[in-house]
Each structure stands twice: as structure tokens, then as C-alpha cells.
Amino acid sequence: MIKGLPEKLQKLRSKNGLSQKQVADRIGVSPSIVSGYETGERTPSTDVLLSLSYLYNCSTDYLLGKQNIEPDVTLNTAGLTDKQIQALIALIESIKSE
């Protein structure tokens, strides 16, 4: 188990107004697995951590406890498809590089 990860995942999910099912659908796992991550019974794989960081617009360092700075801005992506979310991420990255 990664210290502090379950609490961070619960907080980020609530902050983004998402249900465990919505998170599960977005990252490609079952709701019971998301529940396990949030209770500390399960530890997400590297791929899942990366997906969660994209979903919650935070760094993997934040999720892993290496960085304690919470994300400044979150976007409520409820109701958007994965393709739409990826398009938003690409747009944001292109704006950052200008």
C-alpha cells in the first residue's frame, strides 16, 4: 500500500464530483477495484496510477506522496468521453508549450 494514496484518491474523486463507477469506467477497471484503491486494500499498477493522474489532473508524484502540493485546478470531466478528455488534455498541453 502507498501511504496516503487511499485518502488522496477519495478526496480527488469527491472534488471532481465523480462516482466510483465513473472513475472505474474512465480508467478501465471495475468499481470494486476503485473501492479497493480507496480503502487501501489494493494498490494500483503503474498504468492505473498514470490514468488516475490524467483523470484528476495531478502528478503521479502527488499520488505517490513524493510531492504534497495538491493540484491547483481541477476540471469536472463528468459526462465527457475518454476521447473528449484526451482532446482537452492535448489542448491544455499545447497551450502550455506556447
PDB file of N, CA and C in Angstrom:
ATOM      1  N   MET A   1       0.840  -1.190   0.000  1.00  0.00           N
ATOM      2  CA  MET A   1       0.000   0.000   0.000  1.00  0.00           C
ATOM      3  C   MET A   1       0.881   1.248   0.000  1.00  0.00           C
ATOM      4  N   ILE A   2       0.443   2.252  -0.710  1.00  0.00           N
ATOM      5  CA  ILE A   2       1.153   3.523  -0.779  1.00  0.00           C
ATOM      6  C   ILE A   2       0.545   4.460   0.264  1.00  0.00           C
ATOM      7  N   LYS A   3       1.367   4.903   1.201  1.00  0.00           N
ATOM      8  CA  LYS A   3       0.886   5.728   2.309  1.00  0.00           C
ATOM      9  C   LYS A   3       0.180   6.994   1.800  1.00  0.00           C
ATOM     10  N   GLY A   4      -1.033   7.193   2.263  1.00  0.00           N
ATOM     11  CA  GLY A   4      -1.803   8.385   1.930  1.00  0.00           C
ATOM     12  C   GLY A   4      -2.562   8.312   0.619  1.00  0.00           C
ATOM     13  N   LEU A   5      -2.275   7.309  -0.213  1.00  0.00           N
ATOM     14  CA  LEU A   5      -2.942   7.224  -1.518  1.00  0.00           C
ATOM     15  C   LEU A   5      -4.450   7.035  -1.404  1.00  0.00           C
ATOM     16  N   PRO A   6      -4.936   6.137  -0.558  1.00  0.00           N
ATOM     17  CA  PRO A   6      -6.396   5.971  -0.487  1.00  0.00           C
ATOM     18  C   PRO A   6      -7.138   7.273  -0.176  1.00  0.00           C
ATOM     19  N   GLU A   7      -6.623   8.026   0.765  1.00  0.00           N
ATOM     20  CA  GLU A   7      -7.270   9.294   1.137  1.00  0.00           C
ATOM     21  C   GLU A   7      -7.221  10.294  -0.016  1.00  0.00           C
ATOM     22  N   LYS A   8      -6.085  10.358  -0.701  1.00  0.00           N
ATOM     23  CA  LYS A   8      -5.968  11.282  -1.837  1.00  0.00           C
ATOM     24  C   LYS A   8      -6.947  10.914  -2.936  1.00  0.00           C
ATOM     25  N   LEU A   9      -7.071   9.612  -3.225  1.00  0.00           N
ATOM     26  CA  LEU A   9      -7.985   9.188  -4.282  1.00  0.00           C
ATOM     27  C   LEU A   9      -9.429   9.493  -3.927  1.00  0.00           C
ATOM     28  N   GLN A  10      -9.811   9.282  -2.659  1.00  0.00           N
ATOM     29  CA  GLN A  10     -11.170   9.608  -2.229  1.00  0.00           C
ATOM     30  C   GLN A  10     -11.426  11.107  -2.371  1.00  0.00           C
ATOM     31  N   LYS A  11     -10.468  11.905  -1.915  1.00  0.00           N
ATOM     32  CA  LYS A  11     -10.616  13.360  -1.950  1.00  0.00           C
ATOM     33  C   LYS A  11     -10.703  13.875  -3.385  1.00  0.00           C
ATOM     34  N   LEU A  12      -9.828  13.381  -4.250  1.00  0.00           N
ATOM     35  CA  LEU A  12      -9.830  13.830  -5.644  1.00  0.00           C
ATOM     36  C   LEU A  12     -11.116  13.423  -6.358  1.00  0.00           C
ATOM     37  N   ARG A  13     -11.591  12.218  -6.089  1.00  0.00           N
ATOM     38  CA  ARG A  13     -12.834  11.767  -6.727  1.00  0.00           C
ATOM     39  C   ARG A  13     -13.998  12.644  -6.292  1.00  0.00           C
ATOM     40  N   SER A  14     -14.089  12.909  -5.004  1.00  0.00           N
ATOM     41  CA  SER A  14     -15.165  13.766  -4.489  1.00  0.00           C
ATOM     42  C   SER A  14     -15.053  15.178  -5.044  1.00  0.00           C
ATOM     43  N   LYS A  15     -13.842  15.705  -5.057  1.00  0.00           N
ATOM     44  CA  LYS A  15     -13.604  17.054  -5.550  1.00  0.00           C
ATOM     45  C   LYS A  15     -14.018  17.201  -7.012  1.00  0.00           C
ATOM     46  N   ASN A  16     -13.891  16.118  -7.777  1.00  0.00           N
ATOM     47  CA  ASN A  16     -14.252  16.139  -9.190  1.00  0.00           C
ATOM     48  C   ASN A  16     -15.692  15.709  -9.441  1.00  0.00           C
ATOM     49  N   GLY A  17     -16.421  15.410  -8.366  1.00  0.00           N
ATOM     50  CA  GLY A  17     -17.826  15.064  -8.494  1.00  0.00           C
ATOM     51  C   GLY A  17     -18.074  13.756  -9.227  1.00  0.00           C
ATOM     52  N   LEU A  18     -17.187  12.800  -9.035  1.00  0.00           N
ATOM     53  CA  LEU A  18     -17.306  11.524  -9.739  1.00  0.00           C
ATOM     54  C   LEU A  18     -17.681  10.403  -8.778  1.00  0.00           C
ATOM     55  N   SER A  19     -18.423   9.432  -9.288  1.00  0.00           N
ATOM     56  CA  SER A  19     -18.720   8.225  -8.517  1.00  0.00           C
ATOM     57  C   SER A  19     -17.596   7.220  -8.759  1.00  0.00           C
ATOM     58  N   GLN A  20     -17.543   6.200  -7.936  1.00  0.00           N
ATOM     59  CA  GLN A  20     -16.538   5.157  -8.147  1.00  0.00           C
ATOM     60  C   GLN A  20     -16.767   4.469  -9.485  1.00  0.00           C
ATOM     61  N   LYS A  21     -18.013   4.322  -9.899  1.00  0.00           N
ATOM     62  CA  LYS A  21     -18.312   3.710 -11.191  1.00  0.00           C
ATOM     63  C   LYS A  21     -17.787   4.572 -12.330  1.00  0.00           C
ATOM     64  N   GLN A  22     -17.970   5.882 -12.240  1.00  0.00           N
ATOM     65  CA  GLN A  22     -17.470   6.767 -13.291  1.00  0.00           C
ATOM     66  C   GLN A  22     -15.953   6.689 -13.393  1.00  0.00           C
ATOM     67  N   VAL A  23     -15.283   6.682 -12.248  1.00  0.00           N
ATOM     68  CA  VAL A  23     -13.825   6.554 -12.245  1.00  0.00           C
ATOM     69  C   VAL A  23     -13.430   5.224 -12.874  1.00  0.00           C
ATOM     70  N   ALA A  24     -14.108   4.164 -12.460  1.00  0.00           N
ATOM     71  CA  ALA A  24     -13.808   2.827 -12.983  1.00  0.00           C
ATOM     72  C   ALA A  24     -13.960   2.784 -14.501  1.00  0.00           C
ATOM     73  N   ASP A  25     -15.043   3.363 -15.001  1.00  0.00           N
ATOM     74  CA  ASP A  25     -15.272   3.390 -16.448  1.00  0.00           C
ATOM     75  C   ASP A  25     -14.167   4.147 -17.174  1.00  0.00           C
ATOM     76  N   ARG A  26     -13.727   5.236 -16.584  1.00  0.00           N
ATOM     77  CA  ARG A  26     -12.704   6.077 -17.233  1.00  0.00           C
ATOM     78  C   ARG A  26     -11.324   5.434 -17.245  1.00  0.00           C
ATOM     79  N   ILE A  27     -11.015   4.648 -16.212  1.00  0.00           N
ATOM     80  CA  ILE A  27      -9.666   4.064 -16.151  1.00  0.00           C
ATOM     81  C   ILE A  27      -9.647   2.585 -16.530  1.00  0.00           C
ATOM     82  N   GLY A  28     -10.822   2.030 -16.858  1.00  0.00           N
ATOM     83  CA  GLY A  28     -10.889   0.674 -17.371  1.00  0.00           C
ATOM     84  C   GLY A  28     -10.775  -0.443 -16.351  1.00  0.00           C
ATOM     85  N   VAL A  29     -11.334  -0.212 -15.158  1.00  0.00           N
ATOM     86  CA  VAL A  29     -11.369  -1.257 -14.127  1.00  0.00           C
ATOM     87  C   VAL A  29     -12.797  -1.339 -13.592  1.00  0.00           C
ATOM     88  N   SER A  30     -13.047  -2.269 -12.694  1.00  0.00           N
ATOM     89  CA  SER A  30     -14.385  -2.387 -12.109  1.00  0.00           C
ATOM     90  C   SER A  30     -14.520  -1.437 -10.915  1.00  0.00           C
ATOM     91  N   PRO A  31     -15.751  -1.061 -10.579  1.00  0.00           N
ATOM     92  CA  PRO A  31     -15.965  -0.207  -9.406  1.00  0.00           C
ATOM     93  C   PRO A  31     -15.418  -0.804  -8.119  1.00  0.00           C
ATOM     94  N   SER A  32     -15.453  -2.133  -7.986  1.00  0.00           N
ATOM     95  CA  SER A  32     -14.932  -2.753  -6.762  1.00  0.00           C
ATOM     96  C   SER A  32     -13.420  -2.567  -6.656  1.00  0.00           C
ATOM     97  N   ILE A  33     -12.737  -2.499  -7.775  1.00  0.00           N
ATOM     98  CA  ILE A  33     -11.292  -2.253  -7.750  1.00  0.00           C
ATOM     99  C   ILE A  33     -11.018  -0.819  -7.315  1.00  0.00           C
ATOM    100  N   VAL A  34     -11.804   0.138  -7.826  1.00  0.00           N
ATOM    101  CA  VAL A  34     -11.656   1.534  -7.403  1.00  0.00           C
ATOM    102  C   VAL A  34     -11.901   1.633  -5.899  1.00  0.00           C
ATOM    103  N   SER A  35     -12.906   0.927  -5.413  1.00  0.00           N
ATOM    104  CA  SER A  35     -13.177   0.906  -3.981  1.00  0.00           C
ATOM    105  C   SER A  35     -11.972   0.365  -3.214  1.00  0.00           C
ATOM    106  N   GLY A  36     -11.364  -0.680  -3.734  1.00  0.00           N
ATOM    107  CA  GLY A  36     -10.170  -1.247  -3.107  1.00  0.00           C
ATOM    108  C   GLY A  36      -9.012  -0.269  -3.048  1.00  0.00           C
ATOM    109  N   TYR A  37      -8.852   0.530  -4.102  1.00  0.00           N
ATOM    110  CA  TYR A  37      -7.800   1.562  -4.097  1.00  0.00           C
ATOM    111  C   TYR A  37      -8.075   2.589  -3.002  1.00  0.00           C
ATOM    112  N   GLU A  38      -9.359   2.953  -2.850  1.00  0.00           N
ATOM    113  CA  GLU A  38      -9.734   3.988  -1.888  1.00  0.00           C
ATOM    114  C   GLU A  38      -9.746   3.498  -0.443  1.00  0.00           C
ATOM    115  N   THR A  39      -9.803   2.207  -0.231  1.00  0.00           N
ATOM    116  CA  THR A  39      -9.744   1.667   1.129  1.00  0.00           C
ATOM    117  C   THR A  39      -8.342   1.183   1.481  1.00  0.00           C
ATOM    118  N   GLY A  40      -7.473   1.133   0.489  1.00  0.00           N
ATOM    119  CA  GLY A  40      -6.113   0.667   0.720  1.00  0.00           C
ATOM    120  C   GLY A  40      -5.960  -0.838   0.627  1.00  0.00           C
ATOM    121  N   GLU A  41      -7.017  -1.523   0.240  1.00  0.00           N
ATOM    122  CA  GLU A  41      -6.953  -2.976   0.096  1.00  0.00           C
ATOM    123  C   GLU A  41      -6.212  -3.390  -1.175  1.00  0.00           C
ATOM    124  N   ARG A  42      -6.169  -2.489  -2.145  1.00  0.00           N
ATOM    125  CA  ARG A  42      -5.493  -2.752  -3.419  1.00  0.00           C
ATOM    126  C   ARG A  42      -4.529  -1.604  -3.714  1.00  0.00           C
ATOM    127  N   THR A  43      -3.473  -1.928  -4.447  1.00  0.00           N
ATOM    128  CA  THR A  43      -2.527  -0.910  -4.903  1.00  0.00           C
ATOM    129  C   THR A  43      -2.592  -0.849  -6.423  1.00  0.00           C
ATOM    130  N   PRO A  44      -2.827   0.336  -6.978  1.00  0.00           N
ATOM    131  CA  PRO A  44      -2.932   0.440  -8.432  1.00  0.00           C
ATOM    132  C   PRO A  44      -1.592   0.183  -9.124  1.00  0.00           C
ATOM    133  N   SER A  45      -1.681  -0.368 -10.323  1.00  0.00           N
ATOM    134  CA  SER A  45      -0.487  -0.570 -11.145  1.00  0.00           C
ATOM    135  C   SER A  45       0.029   0.781 -11.627  1.00  0.00           C
ATOM    136  N   THR A  46       1.193   0.771 -12.211  1.00  0.00           N
ATOM    137  CA  THR A  46       1.779   1.996 -12.770  1.00  0.00           C
ATOM    138  C   THR A  46       0.863   2.588 -13.829  1.00  0.00           C
ATOM    139  N   ASP A  47       0.324   1.735 -14.702  1.00  0.00           N
ATOM    140  CA  ASP A  47      -0.573   2.219 -15.752  1.00  0.00           C
ATOM    141  C   ASP A  47      -1.825   2.873 -15.166  1.00  0.00           C
ATOM    142  N   VAL A  48      -2.372   2.272 -14.124  1.00  0.00           N
ATOM    143  CA  VAL A  48      -3.566   2.824 -13.482  1.00  0.00           C
ATOM    144  C   VAL A  48      -3.232   4.142 -12.783  1.00  0.00           C
ATOM    145  N   LEU A  49      -2.079   4.208 -12.120  1.00  0.00           N
ATOM    146  CA  LEU A  49      -1.666   5.472 -11.477  1.00  0.00           C
ATOM    147  C   LEU A  49      -1.571   6.589 -12.508  1.00  0.00           C
ATOM    148  N   LEU A  50      -1.017   6.268 -13.667  1.00  0.00           N
ATOM    149  CA  LEU A  50      -0.909   7.269 -14.725  1.00  0.00           C
ATOM    150  C   LEU A  50      -2.290   7.704 -15.201  1.00  0.00           C
ATOM    151  N   SER A  51      -3.196   6.742 -15.378  1.00  0.00           N
ATOM    152  CA  SER A  51      -4.569   7.071 -15.786  1.00  0.00           C
ATOM    153  C   SER A  51      -5.261   7.940 -14.743  1.00  0.00           C
ATOM    154  N   LEU A  52      -5.050   7.622 -13.468  1.00  0.00           N
ATOM    155  CA  LEU A  52      -5.642   8.430 -12.393  1.00  0.00           C
ATOM    156  C   LEU A  52      -5.068   9.838 -12.386  1.00  0.00           C
ATOM    157  N   SER A  53      -3.778   9.968 -12.656  1.00  0.00           N
ATOM    158  CA  SER A  53      -3.171  11.307 -12.677  1.00  0.00           C
ATOM    159  C   SER A  53      -3.755  12.148 -13.808  1.00  0.00           C
ATOM    160  N   TYR A  54      -4.007  11.529 -14.965  1.00  0.00           N
ATOM    161  CA  TYR A  54      -4.649  12.250 -16.073  1.00  0.00           C
ATOM    162  C   TYR A  54      -6.082  12.607 -15.714  1.00  0.00           C
ATOM    163  N   LEU A  55      -6.798  11.659 -15.144  1.00  0.00           N
ATOM    164  CA  LEU A  55      -8.189  11.891 -14.790  1.00  0.00           C
ATOM    165  C   LEU A  55      -8.329  13.031 -13.789  1.00  0.00           C
ATOM    166  N   TYR A  56      -7.459  13.050 -12.786  1.00  0.00           N
ATOM    167  CA  TYR A  56      -7.560  14.047 -11.723  1.00  0.00           C
ATOM    168  C   TYR A  56      -6.667  15.261 -11.941  1.00  0.00           C
ATOM    169  N   ASN A  57      -5.990  15.290 -13.082  1.00  0.00           N
ATOM    170  CA  ASN A  57      -5.147  16.437 -13.428  1.00  0.00           C
ATOM    171  C   ASN A  57      -4.130  16.730 -12.321  1.00  0.00           C
ATOM    172  N   CYS A  58      -3.421  15.692 -11.926  1.00  0.00           N
ATOM    173  CA  CYS A  58      -2.391  15.839 -10.909  1.00  0.00           C
ATOM    174  C   CYS A  58      -1.193  14.986 -11.322  1.00  0.00           C
ATOM    175  N   SER A  59      -0.093  15.174 -10.648  1.00  0.00           N
ATOM    176  CA  SER A  59       1.098  14.402 -10.980  1.00  0.00           C
ATOM    177  C   SER A  59       1.070  13.046 -10.278  1.00  0.00           C
ATOM    178  N   THR A  60       1.789  12.110 -10.851  1.00  0.00           N
ATOM    179  CA  THR A  60       1.945  10.819 -10.172  1.00  0.00           C
ATOM    180  C   THR A  60       2.754  11.014  -8.898  1.00  0.00           C
ATOM    181  N   ASP A  61       3.653  11.996  -8.891  1.00  0.00           N
ATOM    182  CA  ASP A  61       4.407  12.304  -7.668  1.00  0.00           C
ATOM    183  C   ASP A  61       3.459  12.677  -6.536  1.00  0.00           C
ATOM    184  N   TYR A  62       2.413  13.432  -6.838  1.00  0.00           N
ATOM    185  CA  TYR A  62       1.432  13.791  -5.818  1.00  0.00           C
ATOM    186  C   TYR A  62       0.721  12.533  -5.307  1.00  0.00           C
ATOM    187  N   LEU A  63       0.291  11.677  -6.223  1.00  0.00           N
ATOM    188  CA  LEU A  63      -0.413  10.459  -5.814  1.00  0.00           C
ATOM    189  C   LEU A  63       0.477   9.548  -4.983  1.00  0.00           C
ATOM    190  N   LEU A  64       1.763   9.485  -5.323  1.00  0.00           N
ATOM    191  CA  LEU A  64       2.690   8.600  -4.626  1.00  0.00           C
ATOM    192  C   LEU A  64       3.244   9.197  -3.337  1.00  0.00           C
ATOM    193  N   GLY A  65       2.929  10.460  -3.068  1.00  0.00           N
ATOM    194  CA  GLY A  65       3.378  11.082  -1.834  1.00  0.00           C
ATOM    195  C   GLY A  65       4.738  11.747  -1.922  1.00  0.00           C
ATOM    196  N   LYS A  66       5.318  11.766  -3.113  1.00  0.00           N
ATOM    197  CA  LYS A  66       6.624  12.418  -3.277  1.00  0.00           C
ATOM    198  C   LYS A  66       6.470  13.933  -3.264  1.00  0.00           C
ATOM    199  N   GLN A  67       5.339  14.393  -3.713  1.00  0.00           N
ATOM    200  CA  GLN A  67       5.042  15.821  -3.762  1.00  0.00           C
ATOM    201  C   GLN A  67       3.730  16.025  -3.015  1.00  0.00           C
ATOM    202  N   ASN A  68       3.687  16.962  -2.101  1.00  0.00           N
ATOM    203  CA  ASN A  68       2.483  17.148  -1.294  1.00  0.00           C
ATOM    204  C   ASN A  68       1.611  18.307  -1.742  1.00  0.00           C
ATOM    205  N   ILE A  69       1.933  18.881  -2.871  1.00  0.00           N
ATOM    206  CA  ILE A  69       1.156  20.009  -3.370  1.00  0.00           C
ATOM    207  C   ILE A  69      -0.050  19.473  -4.128  1.00  0.00           C
ATOM    208  N   GLU A  70      -1.233  19.869  -3.663  1.00  0.00           N
ATOM    209  CA  GLU A  70      -2.451  19.450  -4.342  1.00  0.00           C
ATOM    210  C   GLU A  70      -2.578  20.177  -5.665  1.00  0.00           C
ATOM    211  N   PRO A  71      -3.272  19.556  -6.620  1.00  0.00           N
ATOM    212  CA  PRO A  71      -3.482  20.233  -7.897  1.00  0.00           C
ATOM    213  C   PRO A  71      -4.217  21.554  -7.694  1.00  0.00           C
ATOM    214  N   ASP A  72      -3.761  22.598  -8.385  1.00  0.00           N
ATOM    215  CA  ASP A  72      -4.375  23.917  -8.258  1.00  0.00           C
ATOM    216  C   ASP A  72      -5.773  23.978  -8.863  1.00  0.00           C
ATOM    217  N   VAL A  73      -5.908  23.383 -10.018  1.00  0.00           N
ATOM    218  CA  VAL A  73      -7.159  23.485 -10.754  1.00  0.00           C
ATOM    219  C   VAL A  73      -7.605  22.084 -11.128  1.00  0.00           C
ATOM    220  N   THR A  74      -8.878  21.835 -10.967  1.00  0.00           N
ATOM    221  CA  THR A  74      -9.421  20.569 -11.440  1.00  0.00           C
ATOM    222  C   THR A  74     -10.546  20.873 -12.412  1.00  0.00           C
ATOM    223  N   LEU A  75     -10.710  20.000 -13.355  1.00  0.00           N
ATOM    224  CA  LEU A  75     -11.793  20.126 -14.321  1.00  0.00           C
ATOM    225  C   LEU A  75     -12.793  19.017 -14.060  1.00  0.00           C
ATOM    226  N   ASN A  76     -14.053  19.366 -14.028  1.00  0.00           N
ATOM    227  CA  ASN A  76     -15.081  18.356 -13.881  1.00  0.00           C
ATOM    228  C   ASN A  76     -15.327  17.750 -15.252  1.00  0.00           C
ATOM    229  N   THR A  77     -14.874  16.535 -15.437  1.00  0.00           N
ATOM    230  CA  THR A  77     -14.994  15.874 -16.736  1.00  0.00           C
ATOM    231  C   THR A  77     -16.168  14.901 -16.777  1.00  0.00           C
ATOM    232  N   ALA A  78     -17.033  14.976 -15.779  1.00  0.00           N
ATOM    233  CA  ALA A  78     -18.201  14.100 -15.754  1.00  0.00           C
ATOM    234  C   ALA A  78     -19.014  14.312 -17.030  1.00  0.00           C
ATOM    235  N   GLY A  79     -19.392  13.231 -17.657  1.00  0.00           N
ATOM    236  CA  GLY A  79     -20.199  13.312 -18.871  1.00  0.00           C
ATOM    237  C   GLY A  79     -19.396  13.372 -20.150  1.00  0.00           C
ATOM    238  N   LEU A  80     -18.075  13.494 -20.036  1.00  0.00           N
ATOM    239  CA  LEU A  80     -17.232  13.523 -21.233  1.00  0.00           C
ATOM    240  C   LEU A  80     -16.721  12.125 -21.533  1.00  0.00           C
ATOM    241  N   THR A  81     -16.523  11.853 -22.803  1.00  0.00           N
ATOM    242  CA  THR A  81     -15.946  10.570 -23.196  1.00  0.00           C
ATOM    243  C   THR A  81     -14.435  10.622 -22.990  1.00  0.00           C
ATOM    244  N   ASP A  82     -13.814   9.446 -23.010  1.00  0.00           N
ATOM    245  CA  ASP A  82     -12.351   9.392 -22.895  1.00  0.00           C
ATOM    246  C   ASP A  82     -11.696  10.173 -24.027  1.00  0.00           C
ATOM    247  N   LYS A  83     -12.264  10.088 -25.209  1.00  0.00           N
ATOM    248  CA  LYS A  83     -11.725  10.816 -26.366  1.00  0.00           C
ATOM    249  C   LYS A  83     -11.791  12.331 -26.131  1.00  0.00           C
ATOM    250  N   GLN A  84     -12.892  12.806 -25.575  1.00  0.00           N
ATOM    251  CA  GLN A  84     -13.042  14.232 -25.284  1.00  0.00           C
ATOM    252  C   GLN A  84     -12.059  14.672 -24.200  1.00  0.00           C
ATOM    253  N   ILE A  85     -11.858  13.831 -23.190  1.00  0.00           N
ATOM    254  CA  ILE A  85     -10.909  14.149 -22.116  1.00  0.00           C
ATOM    255  C   ILE A  85      -9.499  14.234 -22.683  1.00  0.00           C
ATOM    256  N   GLN A  86      -9.138  13.283 -23.528  1.00  0.00           N
ATOM    257  CA  GLN A  86      -7.806  13.297 -24.130  1.00  0.00           C
ATOM    258  C   GLN A  86      -7.623  14.540 -25.007  1.00  0.00           C
ATOM    259  N   ALA A  87      -8.677  14.969 -25.705  1.00  0.00           N
ATOM    260  CA  ALA A  87      -8.608  16.179 -26.519  1.00  0.00           C
ATOM    261  C   ALA A  87      -8.374  17.410 -25.636  1.00  0.00           C
ATOM    262  N   LEU A  88      -9.043  17.464 -24.475  1.00  0.00           N
ATOM    263  CA  LEU A  88      -8.828  18.569 -23.543  1.00  0.00           C
ATOM    264  C   LEU A  88      -7.397  18.579 -23.015  1.00  0.00           C
ATOM    265  N   ILE A  89      -6.887  17.405 -22.680  1.00  0.00           N
ATOM    266  CA  ILE A  89      -5.513  17.295 -22.199  1.00  0.00           C
ATOM    267  C   ILE A  89      -4.544  17.771 -23.266  1.00  0.00           C
ATOM    268  N   ALA A  90      -4.763  17.359 -24.509  1.00  0.00           N
ATOM    269  CA  ALA A  90      -3.896  17.775 -25.625  1.00  0.00           C
ATOM    270  C   ALA A  90      -3.958  19.292 -25.814  1.00  0.00           C
ATOM    271  N   LEU A  91      -5.142  19.865 -25.723  1.00  0.00           N
ATOM    272  CA  LEU A  91      -5.298  21.317 -25.854  1.00  0.00           C
ATOM    273  C   LEU A  91      -4.547  22.048 -24.753  1.00  0.00           C
ATOM    274  N   ILE A  92      -4.701  21.590 -23.526  1.00  0.00           N
ATOM    275  CA  ILE A  92      -4.027  22.216 -22.397  1.00  0.00           C
ATOM    276  C   ILE A  92      -2.508  22.130 -22.567  1.00  0.00           C
ATOM    277  N   GLU A  93      -2.013  20.970 -22.983  1.00  0.00           N
ATOM    278  CA  GLU A  93      -0.576  20.803 -23.184  1.00  0.00           C
ATOM    279  C   GLU A  93      -0.065  21.715 -24.298  1.00  0.00           C
ATOM    280  N   SER A  94      -0.850  21.886 -25.364  1.00  0.00           N
ATOM    281  CA  SER A  94      -0.414  22.762 -26.456  1.00  0.00           C
ATOM    282  C   SER A  94      -0.389  24.225 -26.010  1.00  0.00           C
ATOM    283  N   ILE A  95      -1.325  24.607 -25.158  1.00  0.00           N
ATOM    284  CA  ILE A  95      -1.338  25.982 -24.632  1.00  0.00           C
ATOM    285  C   ILE A  95      -0.134  26.206 -23.725  1.00  0.00           C
ATOM    286  N   LYS A  96       0.195  25.210 -22.914  1.00  0.00           N
ATOM    287  CA  LYS A  96       1.347  25.328 -22.013  1.00  0.00           C
ATOM    288  C   LYS A  96       2.650  25.511 -22.781  1.00  0.00           C
ATOM    289  N   SER A  97       2.756  24.878 -23.943  1.00  0.00           N
ATOM    290  CA  SER A  97       4.014  24.919 -24.703  1.00  0.00           C
ATOM    291  C   SER A  97       4.175  26.196 -25.524  1.00  0.00           C
ATOM    292  N   GLU A  98       3.128  27.003 -25.604  1.00  0.00           N
ATOM    293  CA  GLU A  98       3.227  28.257 -26.375  1.00  0.00           C
ATOM    294  C   GLU A  98       4.022  29.303 -25.656  1.00  0.00           C
TER     295      GLU A  98
END
